[in-house]
Structure formats: structure tokens, C-alpha cells
Amino acid sequence: MSNLLQDILNENTSQQTNCRVREIADSLPEGDKTAFMDAVNNENITAPAIERALKKNGFPVAGTTIRRHRRGDCSCGKPS
């Protein structure tokens, strides 16, 4: 195996973290969690709009994190 490939594989496993969208959802009361996930899964609601609302309510998160979750490219591995 090449050094480059080994470095990529090592980086991939060392950088895996919990999905921030999932962390936020899990910290919310059930009704808020459902509303939040409905918003995340609604493509008509922009990621920046969700980002602003979350930050306003004390949940710092980037719009890119929301978009990554939407396309299933987060540690969850699939959109929820």
C-alpha cells in the first residue's frame, strides 16, 4: 500500500466525529427534535436559514454541516 493511501486511510478513521446535526437533534425535547429534523429534511428550507435559527437559539453549526448531513456525507452515513 502506498504511503499516500495509508495516510488517507489513517486520516479518514482519525477524523470521524459525531454528526453535529444528530447531536443537536438528540439534545432537543421530542417535539422540537421532530420539528428540527423535518426542517433539515425539507429541501425548501435553506441550510443558511437553519444555521441562523440554530445559532440564534444557542446551537452553533455551519450550513455546510447541514448540507453534508442532507446528502448523507456525515458520520450518520445517511440522511435522516
Protein backbone atom coordinates (compact mmCIF):
# COMPACT_ATOMS: atom_id res chain seq x y z
CA MET A 1 0.00 0.00 0.00
CA SER A 2 1.32 3.43 -0.88
CA ASN A 3 2.16 5.96 1.80
CA LEU A 4 -0.42 8.32 0.34
CA LEU A 5 -3.18 5.74 0.54
CA GLN A 6 -2.18 4.80 4.08
CA ASP A 7 -2.23 8.47 5.11
CA ILE A 8 -5.69 8.89 3.58
CA LEU A 9 -7.00 5.82 5.39
CA ASN A 10 -5.48 6.96 8.69
CA GLU A 11 -6.89 10.44 8.26
CA ASN A 12 -10.31 9.07 7.43
CA THR A 13 -10.57 7.00 10.60
CA SER A 14 -8.95 9.57 12.89
CA GLN A 15 -11.23 12.41 11.82
CA GLN A 16 -14.59 10.70 12.25
CA THR A 17 -16.73 12.55 14.74
CA ASN A 18 -20.35 12.51 15.71
CA CYS A 19 -22.68 14.22 13.29
CA ARG A 20 -23.42 17.70 14.67
CA VAL A 21 -26.96 17.60 13.23
CA ARG A 22 -27.59 14.34 15.08
CA GLU A 23 -26.05 15.75 18.28
CA ILE A 24 -28.34 18.77 18.16
CA ALA A 25 -31.40 16.64 17.39
CA ASP A 26 -30.61 14.28 20.27
CA SER A 27 -30.31 17.20 22.70
CA LEU A 28 -33.79 18.55 21.91
CA PRO A 29 -37.11 17.62 23.51
CA GLU A 30 -39.05 15.20 21.30
CA GLY A 31 -41.39 17.80 19.73
CA ASP A 32 -38.52 20.15 18.92
CA LYS A 33 -36.43 17.26 17.64
CA THR A 34 -39.16 16.27 15.21
CA ALA A 35 -39.61 19.86 14.00
CA PHE A 36 -35.84 20.30 13.63
CA MET A 37 -35.41 17.11 11.62
CA ASP A 38 -38.42 17.99 9.48
CA ALA A 39 -36.71 21.30 8.68
CA VAL A 40 -33.37 19.61 7.96
CA ASN A 41 -35.07 17.16 5.62
CA ASN A 42 -37.09 19.86 3.85
CA GLU A 43 -35.05 20.98 0.84
CA ASN A 44 -37.25 24.10 0.56
CA ILE A 45 -35.70 25.37 3.79
CA THR A 46 -32.18 26.55 3.11
CA ALA A 47 -29.22 25.39 5.15
CA PRO A 48 -28.26 29.02 5.91
CA ALA A 49 -31.77 29.67 7.30
CA ILE A 50 -31.44 26.65 9.59
CA GLU A 51 -27.92 27.74 10.54
CA ARG A 52 -29.12 31.22 11.55
CA ALA A 53 -32.05 29.88 13.58
CA LEU A 54 -29.84 27.36 15.36
CA LYS A 55 -27.21 29.96 16.21
CA LYS A 56 -29.92 32.31 17.48
CA ASN A 57 -31.03 29.51 19.83
CA GLY A 58 -27.55 28.66 21.10
CA PHE A 59 -26.61 25.84 18.72
CA PRO A 60 -23.58 26.91 16.69
CA VAL A 61 -23.46 24.94 13.47
CA ALA A 62 -22.39 25.70 9.91
CA GLY A 63 -24.68 25.49 6.93
CA THR A 64 -22.14 23.16 5.35
CA THR A 65 -22.74 20.73 8.21
CA ILE A 66 -26.45 20.71 7.44
CA ARG A 67 -25.82 20.20 3.73
CA ARG A 68 -23.36 17.38 4.47
CA HIS A 69 -26.00 15.67 6.62
CA ARG A 70 -28.66 16.14 3.93
CA ARG A 71 -26.61 14.36 1.32
CA GLY A 72 -25.60 11.58 3.73
CA ASP A 73 -21.92 12.51 3.82
CA CYS A 74 -21.69 12.78 7.61
CA SER A 75 -20.90 10.24 10.31
CA CYS A 76 -24.58 9.22 10.30
CA GLY A 77 -23.90 7.83 6.84
CA LYS A 78 -27.38 8.57 5.56
CA PRO A 79 -29.93 11.35 5.67
CA SER A 80 -32.46 11.02 8.46
